[in-house]
Amino acid sequence: QVTLVESGGGLVQSGGSLTLSCAVSGSPFVIYAMGWYRQAPGKQRQQVAVSVRGGSTYYDSSLKGRFTLNVDNAKNTVGLQMLSLKPEDTATYFCWMEDRDYGREYWGQGTQVTVSS
């Protein structure tokens, strides 16, 4: 069984910053890609940033420059540093991982980020 555990969400004022963390544990898995998605109330889940192991990191174009993905391959963790937060960044943020060998996708339980104006 594979588990993704997120931490670091919370309430922050507009212009503030937050860092989310996610740790992947369990077995069996070999990470192909991992990253973060978010979902605001009434909206579809949106890809925020994804890193392909040994490859590139992809950001939503509207977020690049404010959000930075940090991957630690040795520890199977992924962090999301978020700067200059805006009220429209308010959402539930989900950690995501795709397994290399089986192509399965795994999700964390979600962590709430609320940005007040």
Protein backbone atom coordinates (compact mmCIF):
# COMPACT_ATOMS: atom_id res chain seq x y z
CA GLN A 1 0.00 0.00 0.00
CA VAL A 2 1.27 3.43 -0.96
CA THR A 3 0.47 6.48 1.14
CA LEU A 4 0.99 10.17 0.47
CA VAL A 5 0.91 12.40 3.54
CA GLU A 6 0.71 16.16 3.13
CA SER A 7 1.37 18.94 5.58
CA GLY A 8 1.83 22.68 5.65
CA GLY A 9 -1.52 24.12 4.64
CA GLY A 10 -3.24 26.89 6.53
CA LEU A 11 -4.52 30.44 6.52
CA VAL A 12 -2.33 33.24 5.22
CA GLN A 13 -2.86 36.85 4.24
CA SER A 14 -2.62 38.00 0.66
CA GLY A 15 1.02 38.49 -0.27
CA GLY A 16 2.18 35.91 2.24
CA SER A 17 3.88 32.58 1.68
CA LEU A 18 3.40 28.94 2.57
CA THR A 19 5.33 25.76 1.96
CA LEU A 20 3.56 22.46 1.53
CA SER A 21 5.27 19.10 2.05
CA CYS A 22 4.39 15.59 0.96
CA ALA A 23 6.03 12.30 1.85
CA VAL A 24 5.44 9.07 -0.06
CA SER A 25 5.69 5.84 1.86
CA GLY A 26 4.73 2.18 1.62
CA SER A 27 5.45 -0.28 -1.13
CA PRO A 28 5.82 -1.27 -3.80
CA PHE A 29 6.44 1.81 -5.85
CA VAL A 30 8.99 3.40 -8.09
CA ILE A 31 8.28 7.04 -8.68
CA TYR A 32 7.92 8.16 -12.29
CA ALA A 33 6.54 11.60 -11.50
CA MET A 34 5.23 13.55 -8.54
CA GLY A 35 3.86 16.95 -7.82
CA TRP A 36 0.85 18.98 -6.75
CA TYR A 37 -2.67 19.68 -7.96
CA ARG A 38 -5.28 21.97 -6.47
CA GLN A 39 -9.04 22.25 -6.49
CA ALA A 40 -11.03 25.32 -5.58
CA PRO A 41 -14.71 25.06 -4.64
CA GLY A 42 -16.86 24.59 -7.71
CA LYS A 43 -13.86 24.19 -10.01
CA GLN A 44 -12.05 21.30 -11.63
CA ARG A 45 -8.84 19.95 -10.22
CA GLN A 46 -5.91 21.86 -11.70
CA GLN A 47 -2.30 20.79 -12.15
CA VAL A 48 -0.01 23.12 -10.23
CA ALA A 49 3.44 21.62 -10.78
CA VAL A 50 4.76 18.20 -11.68
CA SER A 51 8.28 16.83 -11.82
CA VAL A 52 9.24 13.80 -13.91
CA ARG A 53 12.06 11.91 -12.24
CA GLY A 54 15.18 12.38 -14.28
CA GLY A 55 13.34 14.81 -16.51
CA SER A 56 11.68 18.18 -16.45
CA THR A 57 9.44 20.07 -14.09
CA TYR A 58 6.22 21.50 -15.45
CA TYR A 59 4.36 24.43 -13.93
CA ASP A 60 0.98 25.88 -14.65
CA SER A 61 1.92 28.92 -16.67
CA SER A 62 -0.11 31.26 -14.47
CA LEU A 63 1.77 30.14 -11.36
CA LYS A 64 5.32 29.92 -12.58
CA GLY A 65 7.49 32.45 -10.82
CA ARG A 66 5.48 32.37 -7.61
CA PHE A 67 5.42 28.62 -6.98
CA THR A 68 8.48 26.37 -6.81
CA LEU A 69 8.53 22.59 -6.68
CA ASN A 70 11.25 20.93 -4.61
CA VAL A 71 11.78 17.19 -4.98
CA ASP A 72 13.99 15.03 -2.80
CA ASN A 73 14.38 11.75 -4.65
CA ALA A 74 16.30 10.08 -1.86
CA LYS A 75 13.54 10.76 0.66
CA ASN A 76 10.60 10.42 -1.76
CA THR A 77 9.30 13.82 -0.75
CA VAL A 78 8.01 16.77 -2.71
CA GLY A 79 7.52 20.29 -1.46
CA LEU A 80 5.70 23.27 -2.92
CA GLN A 81 6.94 26.71 -2.00
CA MET A 82 4.28 29.33 -2.62
CA LEU A 83 5.13 33.03 -2.59
CA SER A 84 3.08 36.18 -3.07
CA LEU A 85 -0.12 34.28 -2.45
CA LYS A 86 -3.40 35.67 -3.75
CA PRO A 87 -6.98 35.01 -2.66
CA GLU A 88 -7.50 33.08 -5.91
CA ASP A 89 -4.87 30.59 -4.73
CA THR A 90 -7.36 29.44 -2.10
CA ALA A 91 -7.98 25.74 -2.70
CA THR A 92 -7.39 22.26 -1.44
CA TYR A 93 -3.94 21.17 -2.54
CA PHE A 94 -3.33 17.52 -3.35
CA CYS A 95 -0.03 15.70 -3.55
CA TRP A 96 0.16 13.32 -6.53
CA MET A 97 2.46 10.54 -7.60
CA GLU A 98 2.59 8.23 -10.61
CA ASP A 99 4.27 4.89 -10.27
CA ARG A 100 6.76 3.97 -13.00
CA ASP A 101 6.25 0.25 -13.23
CA TYR A 102 2.46 -0.02 -12.98
CA GLY A 103 1.37 3.41 -14.14
CA ARG A 104 -0.84 3.84 -11.11
CA GLU A 105 -1.63 7.24 -9.72
CA TYR A 106 -1.78 8.00 -6.03
CA TRP A 107 -3.23 10.99 -4.23
CA GLY A 108 -2.83 12.52 -0.83
CA GLN A 109 -5.83 13.42 1.28
CA GLY A 110 -5.48 17.10 0.52
CA THR A 111 -4.45 20.10 2.57
CA GLN A 112 -6.40 23.35 2.69
CA VAL A 113 -4.77 26.63 1.75
CA THR A 114 -6.80 29.77 2.41
CA VAL A 115 -5.56 33.20 1.39
CA SER A 116 -7.42 36.13 2.91
CA SER A 117 -7.62 39.50 1.21
